[in-house]
Amino acid sequence: MKVFLSWSGERSLIFAKALRDWLPYINPEIQPWISSTDIAAGGRWSRDLEAELDAADIGIVCVTRDNQAAPWLNFEAGALAKKLNASYVVPLLLDLNPSELRSPLSQFQAKEVTPAGMLDVLKLLDELCAHRVPDIARACATWWRELQPALQPAVEAASATADVPPTPDEGTLLEEIYRIVKERLDKVSETAPAGSEPERTQVARRAKRISTFIQEARILLVNDAPHQMRQVVSLLQSLGIAVTIAASTEAALGELGGPFFDIVISDMRRGDDGSAGLTLLRAMRASSIGTPVIFTVGRYEPERGVPGGAFGITNRVDELANLVFDALERSRG
C-alpha cells in the first residue's frame, strides 16, 4: 500500500523523513515515498514524481506553520485529490491545529501529530492494507515513543537552513502547471466539446501566468451528477483552488450562507428541471448574494446570449476555465 508523503521546506522534510522511517513499523505493507530520497540519482524528476502520484493509495501532506501556503505543497495536494477520494488526502499538522489551516488544504480532513491524531491516520492506512494489524491502537501507543524523538528536530528547527534538498523552484512549478492543464484539456477534448489545440494552449499559458494570483480561491460547484465534472474539479484543484460540491439548489444556498465563495459554477438542468440553474441565480440575487455565477450546459446556443445576472455560460471546459480566470481577475484585481 503506497503512501505519498508531500513536503515543502526544511522542517516539513524532517517531518516527512520521520514518517517514512516510522510507518512501516506499524504495518510492513505500508510503503511511504518522499521525493528527496526516493528519486534515483539522475532520475527524471517530473516523470518520477507523476508516476508516484498516480500510484499512491493515500497522500499525507506534511504541514508546518510556515509552509501551509507553499505553492508546491498545494500543487501536490491538488494532484493527489484528482486521483484519490478526498478522504485519502490527509494534511498532517505538526505545530498548528485544524482551525488554523487555510484553503485549499482546509478542504481535506486534517489531523494533528498527537497520539489521537496519529491513531486516526494509522486506522485509515491499516484499512487499506491487505493484512490488518490485530490491535492498531496498541501498535500506535507502542511505536509513538519512537516517533517523538524523530520529530523533535522539526519542532526545534528554524524555517530554513542550508544543505536541504530543495523543492522545485517557481519556474519548474509553473512549467508543471502549464503541462498538467494542457494535458487535461487535451484529454477532455477527446470525449467532450472543447476548443481547438491553439485555444487549449492559450488557456494553459494563462493558467501558468496567473496561478499564484488565483491560489486559495473558493468555488462552489452545483451539479446533481458531480462525477461528470471530475475533469473540471481536478483542473481547478491543480491550480490551488478549493472546490465545494452541492448537488441541489437548496444545498447550494445552504453553502452560500456560510464561508465566502469567489465563484459559483452551476449546471442549468438538474433532473427534470431544465431551469434549475436560473432558479438558483434568482434565489441568490433575492438574498443579496452577488457571487458571480457561471452556467454549464450540455448544448450551448450563442444566439440566446448569457442569462441576465449571470457572469457567463458555456459547454466547453477551456471556455469555462477562461470564464473562471476572468471572474477571479475582476474580483481580485
Protein backbone atom coordinates (compact mmCIF):
# COMPACT_ATOMS: atom_id res chain seq x y z
CA MET A 1 0.00 0.00 0.00
CA LYS A 2 1.70 3.18 -1.24
CA VAL A 3 1.74 6.41 0.75
CA PHE A 4 2.84 9.62 -0.95
CA LEU A 5 4.43 12.00 1.57
CA SER A 6 4.25 15.61 0.39
CA TRP A 7 6.58 18.20 1.93
CA SER A 8 7.90 21.70 1.40
CA GLY A 9 10.64 23.32 3.46
CA GLU A 10 13.29 22.07 5.86
CA ARG A 11 11.04 21.33 8.83
CA SER A 12 8.47 19.60 6.64
CA LEU A 13 11.20 17.45 5.12
CA ILE A 14 12.39 16.31 8.58
CA PHE A 15 8.76 15.56 9.38
CA ALA A 16 8.29 13.53 6.17
CA LYS A 17 11.50 11.56 6.66
CA ALA A 18 10.47 10.65 10.22
CA LEU A 19 7.14 9.32 8.93
CA ARG A 20 8.87 7.46 6.09
CA ASP A 21 11.02 5.54 8.56
CA TRP A 22 8.28 5.06 11.17
CA LEU A 23 5.17 3.97 9.26
CA PRO A 24 6.45 0.54 8.12
CA TYR A 25 6.93 -0.42 11.79
CA ILE A 26 3.16 -0.19 12.21
CA ASN A 27 2.40 -2.37 9.20
CA PRO A 28 5.13 -3.66 6.87
CA GLU A 29 2.75 -3.35 3.91
CA ILE A 30 2.88 0.45 4.18
CA GLN A 31 5.31 1.81 1.57
CA PRO A 32 5.98 5.53 2.13
CA TRP A 33 7.59 7.64 -0.61
CA ILE A 34 9.19 11.10 -0.48
CA SER A 35 10.86 12.84 -3.40
CA SER A 36 14.00 13.95 -1.55
CA THR A 37 15.34 10.41 -1.10
CA ASP A 38 13.35 8.11 -3.34
CA ILE A 39 14.07 9.55 -6.80
CA ALA A 40 17.10 7.73 -8.13
CA ALA A 41 20.20 9.73 -8.94
CA GLY A 42 19.83 11.01 -12.48
CA GLY A 43 16.11 10.20 -12.45
CA ARG A 44 13.80 12.49 -14.37
CA TRP A 45 12.18 14.47 -11.57
CA SER A 46 8.88 15.32 -13.28
CA ARG A 47 8.26 11.84 -14.69
CA ASP A 48 9.12 10.03 -11.45
CA LEU A 49 7.00 12.38 -9.37
CA GLU A 50 3.98 12.00 -11.63
CA ALA A 51 4.32 8.20 -11.59
CA GLU A 52 4.37 8.17 -7.78
CA LEU A 53 1.37 10.49 -7.59
CA ASP A 54 -0.54 8.15 -9.89
CA ALA A 55 0.50 5.05 -7.94
CA ALA A 56 -0.36 6.41 -4.49
CA ASP A 57 -3.17 4.83 -2.47
CA ILE A 58 -3.16 7.70 0.00
CA GLY A 59 -1.42 11.05 0.36
CA ILE A 60 -0.14 12.58 3.59
CA VAL A 61 0.71 16.27 3.38
CA CYS A 62 3.31 17.26 5.99
CA VAL A 63 2.14 20.70 7.10
CA THR A 64 4.00 23.06 9.43
CA ARG A 65 3.05 26.56 10.48
CA ASP A 66 5.48 28.06 7.99
CA ASN A 67 4.68 26.04 4.86
CA GLN A 68 0.89 25.72 4.52
CA ALA A 69 0.78 28.40 1.81
CA ALA A 70 3.70 26.91 -0.15
CA PRO A 71 2.67 26.58 -3.83
CA TRP A 72 4.33 23.19 -4.23
CA LEU A 73 2.59 21.67 -1.21
CA ASN A 74 -0.81 22.81 -2.50
CA PHE A 75 0.04 21.65 -6.02
CA GLU A 76 0.80 18.11 -4.85
CA ALA A 77 -2.32 18.05 -2.66
CA GLY A 78 -4.41 19.03 -5.68
CA ALA A 79 -2.73 16.39 -7.84
CA LEU A 80 -3.49 13.73 -5.20
CA ALA A 81 -7.09 14.90 -4.89
CA LYS A 82 -7.71 14.50 -8.62
CA LYS A 83 -6.88 10.79 -8.35
CA LEU A 84 -7.96 9.82 -4.84
CA ASN A 85 -11.12 10.17 -2.83
CA ALA A 86 -10.73 13.36 -0.77
CA SER A 87 -10.78 11.28 2.43
CA TYR A 88 -7.49 9.72 1.29
CA VAL A 89 -5.64 13.06 1.24
CA VAL A 90 -4.66 13.88 4.83
CA PRO A 91 -2.95 17.12 5.87
CA LEU A 92 -0.92 16.10 8.94
CA LEU A 93 -0.27 19.13 11.15
CA LEU A 94 2.94 19.37 13.16
CA ASP A 95 2.60 22.68 15.01
CA LEU A 96 -0.84 24.11 14.22
CA ASN A 97 -4.41 22.97 14.66
CA PRO A 98 -7.09 22.33 12.01
CA SER A 99 -8.85 25.65 12.69
CA GLU A 100 -5.67 27.46 11.59
CA LEU A 101 -5.39 25.57 8.29
CA ARG A 102 -6.11 27.73 5.25
CA SER A 103 -7.68 26.89 1.91
CA PRO A 104 -7.15 24.85 -0.22
CA LEU A 105 -5.69 22.39 2.32
CA SER A 106 -8.60 23.10 4.67
CA GLN A 107 -10.96 21.27 2.30
CA PHE A 108 -9.41 17.99 3.49
CA GLN A 109 -9.85 16.28 6.87
CA ALA A 110 -6.70 17.32 8.70
CA LYS A 111 -5.15 15.51 11.66
CA GLU A 112 -2.66 16.71 14.26
CA VAL A 113 0.57 14.94 15.21
CA THR A 114 -0.73 13.77 18.58
CA PRO A 115 -1.35 10.20 19.79
CA ALA A 116 -5.06 10.57 18.96
CA GLY A 117 -4.43 12.17 15.57
CA MET A 118 -1.84 9.61 14.55
CA LEU A 119 -4.16 6.78 15.61
CA ASP A 120 -6.82 8.14 13.22
CA VAL A 121 -4.26 8.23 10.40
CA LEU A 122 -3.00 4.72 11.19
CA LYS A 123 -6.54 3.32 11.21
CA LEU A 124 -7.04 4.71 7.70
CA LEU A 125 -3.73 3.33 6.47
CA ASP A 126 -4.35 -0.07 8.07
CA GLU A 127 -7.77 -0.34 6.40
CA LEU A 128 -6.07 -0.03 3.01
CA CYS A 129 -3.62 -2.87 3.72
CA ALA A 130 -4.35 -6.46 2.70
CA HIS A 131 -3.32 -7.73 6.14
CA ARG A 132 -4.59 -5.74 9.09
CA VAL A 133 -2.80 -5.13 12.39
CA PRO A 134 -4.66 -7.03 15.17
CA ASP A 135 -4.63 -4.10 17.62
CA ILE A 136 -3.83 -0.85 15.80
CA ALA A 137 -4.38 1.28 18.93
CA ARG A 138 -1.81 -0.71 20.88
CA ALA A 139 0.64 -0.57 17.96
CA CYS A 140 0.26 3.21 17.81
CA ALA A 141 0.83 3.58 21.55
CA THR A 142 3.88 1.30 21.41
CA TRP A 143 5.59 3.00 18.46
CA TRP A 144 4.58 6.58 19.34
CA ARG A 145 7.60 6.72 21.67
CA GLU A 146 9.85 6.06 18.67
CA LEU A 147 8.29 8.79 16.53
CA GLN A 148 8.53 11.64 19.03
CA PRO A 149 12.37 11.90 19.10
CA ALA A 150 12.49 11.79 15.30
CA LEU A 151 10.06 14.70 15.09
CA GLN A 152 11.85 16.84 17.68
CA PRO A 153 14.37 18.37 15.23
CA ALA A 154 11.47 19.54 13.08
CA VAL A 155 9.84 21.15 16.09
CA GLU A 156 13.04 22.94 17.04
CA ALA A 157 14.46 23.72 13.60
CA ALA A 158 14.40 27.15 12.01
CA SER A 159 12.27 27.61 8.89
CA ALA A 160 15.21 27.43 6.51
CA THR A 161 18.75 26.08 6.66
CA ALA A 162 21.45 25.17 4.20
CA ASP A 163 22.14 21.71 2.86
CA VAL A 164 18.48 20.76 2.49
CA PRO A 165 17.34 19.15 -0.76
CA PRO A 166 15.37 21.96 -2.44
CA THR A 167 11.79 21.76 -3.53
CA PRO A 168 11.32 22.56 -7.22
CA ASP A 169 11.78 26.26 -7.93
CA GLU A 170 8.93 28.51 -9.03
CA GLY A 171 9.85 28.26 -12.70
CA THR A 172 9.69 24.47 -12.60
CA LEU A 173 6.37 24.59 -10.79
CA LEU A 174 4.88 26.96 -13.37
CA GLU A 175 6.00 24.70 -16.20
CA GLU A 176 4.35 21.76 -14.43
CA ILE A 177 1.12 23.74 -14.09
CA TYR A 178 1.19 24.53 -17.81
CA ARG A 179 1.82 20.91 -18.74
CA ILE A 180 -0.85 19.47 -16.47
CA VAL A 181 -3.54 21.96 -17.52
CA LYS A 182 -2.75 21.39 -21.20
CA GLU A 183 -2.78 17.61 -20.83
CA ARG A 184 -6.14 17.64 -19.05
CA LEU A 185 -7.71 19.94 -21.61
CA ASP A 186 -6.39 17.74 -24.42
CA LYS A 187 -7.82 14.66 -22.68
CA VAL A 188 -11.23 16.27 -22.25
CA SER A 189 -11.28 17.26 -25.93
CA GLU A 190 -11.30 13.57 -26.90
CA THR A 191 -14.78 12.99 -25.46
CA ALA A 192 -16.40 16.38 -24.82
CA PRO A 193 -16.77 19.77 -26.51
CA ALA A 194 -13.54 21.76 -26.32
CA GLY A 195 -11.70 24.43 -28.23
CA SER A 196 -9.02 23.93 -30.84
CA GLU A 197 -5.47 22.98 -29.93
CA PRO A 198 -4.28 26.63 -30.05
CA GLU A 199 -7.21 27.65 -27.83
CA ARG A 200 -6.37 24.96 -25.28
CA THR A 201 -2.72 26.04 -25.34
CA GLN A 202 -3.80 29.62 -24.66
CA VAL A 203 -5.75 28.53 -21.58
CA ALA A 204 -2.79 26.53 -20.25
CA ARG A 205 -0.48 29.52 -20.75
CA ARG A 206 -2.94 31.77 -18.96
CA ALA A 207 -3.19 29.28 -16.07
CA LYS A 208 0.59 29.32 -15.77
CA ARG A 209 0.66 33.12 -15.79
CA ILE A 210 -1.98 33.70 -13.09
CA SER A 211 -1.62 30.53 -10.98
CA THR A 212 -0.14 32.34 -7.97
CA PHE A 213 -2.76 35.07 -8.18
CA ILE A 214 -5.75 32.67 -8.06
CA GLN A 215 -4.49 30.28 -5.37
CA GLU A 216 -6.82 29.83 -2.39
CA ALA A 217 -9.86 30.94 -4.40
CA ARG A 218 -13.04 29.10 -3.40
CA ILE A 219 -15.56 27.80 -5.93
CA LEU A 220 -18.97 26.27 -5.28
CA LEU A 221 -19.81 23.66 -7.93
CA VAL A 222 -23.55 22.95 -8.14
CA ASN A 223 -24.26 19.76 -10.06
CA ASP A 224 -26.50 16.75 -9.42
CA ALA A 225 -24.02 14.46 -11.23
CA PRO A 226 -20.66 15.74 -9.94
CA HIS A 227 -18.77 12.73 -11.30
CA GLN A 228 -19.37 14.18 -14.76
CA MET A 229 -17.40 17.25 -13.70
CA ARG A 230 -14.39 15.40 -12.30
CA GLN A 231 -12.10 16.76 -15.02
CA VAL A 232 -13.17 20.30 -14.17
CA VAL A 233 -12.70 19.71 -10.44
CA SER A 234 -9.22 18.21 -10.89
CA LEU A 235 -8.22 21.06 -13.19
CA LEU A 236 -9.28 23.69 -10.65
CA GLN A 237 -7.72 21.86 -7.71
CA SER A 238 -4.40 21.53 -9.54
CA LEU A 239 -4.32 25.35 -9.56
CA GLY A 240 -4.75 25.53 -5.79
CA ILE A 241 -8.47 26.38 -5.96
CA ALA A 242 -10.73 24.83 -3.33
CA VAL A 243 -13.90 23.27 -4.75
CA THR A 244 -17.02 22.56 -2.70
CA ILE A 245 -19.77 20.47 -4.32
CA ALA A 246 -23.53 20.90 -3.82
CA ALA A 247 -25.99 18.57 -5.56
CA SER A 248 -29.10 20.77 -5.36
CA THR A 249 -30.26 24.38 -5.25
CA GLU A 250 -31.17 24.01 -1.57
CA ALA A 251 -27.73 22.60 -0.71
CA ALA A 252 -26.05 25.37 -2.70
CA LEU A 253 -27.96 28.11 -0.88
CA GLY A 254 -27.00 26.49 2.41
CA GLU A 255 -23.32 26.58 1.43
CA LEU A 256 -23.61 30.20 0.30
CA GLY A 257 -24.90 31.12 3.73
CA GLY A 258 -21.53 30.09 5.18
CA PRO A 259 -17.96 30.96 4.17
CA PHE A 260 -17.35 33.25 1.19
CA PHE A 261 -17.11 31.80 -2.32
CA ASP A 262 -15.43 33.60 -5.21
CA ILE A 263 -17.50 31.90 -7.92
CA VAL A 264 -20.50 29.60 -8.35
CA ILE A 265 -20.37 27.15 -11.26
CA SER A 266 -23.84 25.68 -11.80
CA ASP A 267 -25.39 23.31 -14.28
CA MET A 268 -28.55 24.67 -15.88
CA ARG A 269 -30.54 21.42 -15.76
CA ARG A 270 -30.88 19.21 -12.70
CA GLY A 271 -33.09 16.16 -13.02
CA ASP A 272 -36.24 17.09 -14.91
CA ASP A 273 -35.87 20.80 -14.14
CA GLY A 274 -34.38 22.47 -17.18
CA SER A 275 -34.11 25.85 -15.46
CA ALA A 276 -32.74 24.79 -12.06
CA GLY A 277 -29.70 27.00 -12.59
CA LEU A 278 -31.85 30.07 -13.17
CA THR A 279 -33.82 29.26 -10.02
CA LEU A 280 -30.58 29.24 -8.05
CA LEU A 281 -29.43 32.52 -9.61
CA ARG A 282 -32.73 34.25 -8.79
CA ALA A 283 -32.66 32.94 -5.21
CA MET A 284 -29.09 34.20 -4.79
CA ARG A 285 -29.89 37.67 -6.04
CA ALA A 286 -33.09 37.81 -3.94
CA SER A 287 -30.90 37.09 -0.91
CA SER A 288 -28.39 39.78 -1.97
CA ILE A 289 -25.72 37.16 -2.75
CA GLY A 290 -23.70 38.77 -5.52
CA THR A 291 -21.26 35.91 -6.18
CA PRO A 292 -20.56 35.57 -9.94
CA VAL A 293 -22.44 32.61 -11.48
CA ILE A 294 -21.15 30.66 -14.47
CA PHE A 295 -23.54 28.19 -16.09
CA THR A 296 -22.52 24.92 -17.73
CA VAL A 297 -24.85 23.40 -20.31
CA GLY A 298 -24.89 20.30 -22.47
CA ARG A 299 -25.56 22.35 -25.58
CA TYR A 300 -24.64 25.99 -25.92
CA GLU A 301 -26.71 28.27 -28.14
CA PRO A 302 -24.78 31.54 -28.59
CA GLU A 303 -27.77 33.31 -30.13
CA ARG A 304 -29.60 33.10 -26.79
CA GLY A 305 -26.86 35.02 -25.03
CA VAL A 306 -25.90 34.93 -21.35
CA PRO A 307 -28.83 34.73 -18.91
CA GLY A 308 -29.46 38.02 -17.15
CA GLY A 309 -27.45 38.36 -13.96
CA ALA A 310 -25.03 35.53 -14.84
CA PHE A 311 -21.32 36.00 -15.50
CA GLY A 312 -21.16 33.52 -18.36
CA ILE A 313 -22.41 30.30 -19.90
CA THR A 314 -20.58 27.56 -21.82
CA ASN A 315 -20.42 23.88 -22.68
CA ARG A 316 -16.63 23.83 -23.17
CA VAL A 317 -14.07 23.16 -20.46
CA ASP A 318 -11.50 25.55 -21.95
CA GLU A 319 -14.07 28.35 -22.08
CA LEU A 320 -15.14 27.53 -18.53
CA ALA A 321 -11.53 27.89 -17.37
CA ASN A 322 -11.26 31.27 -19.09
CA LEU A 323 -14.51 32.44 -17.50
CA VAL A 324 -13.22 31.39 -14.08
CA PHE A 325 -9.98 33.27 -14.70
CA ASP A 326 -11.92 36.36 -15.87
CA ALA A 327 -14.14 36.34 -12.77
CA LEU A 328 -11.19 35.94 -10.41
CA GLU A 329 -9.18 38.68 -12.10
CA ARG A 330 -12.12 41.07 -11.78
CA SER A 331 -12.81 40.27 -8.15
CA ARG A 332 -9.16 40.13 -7.07
CA GLY A 333 -7.68 42.72 -9.39
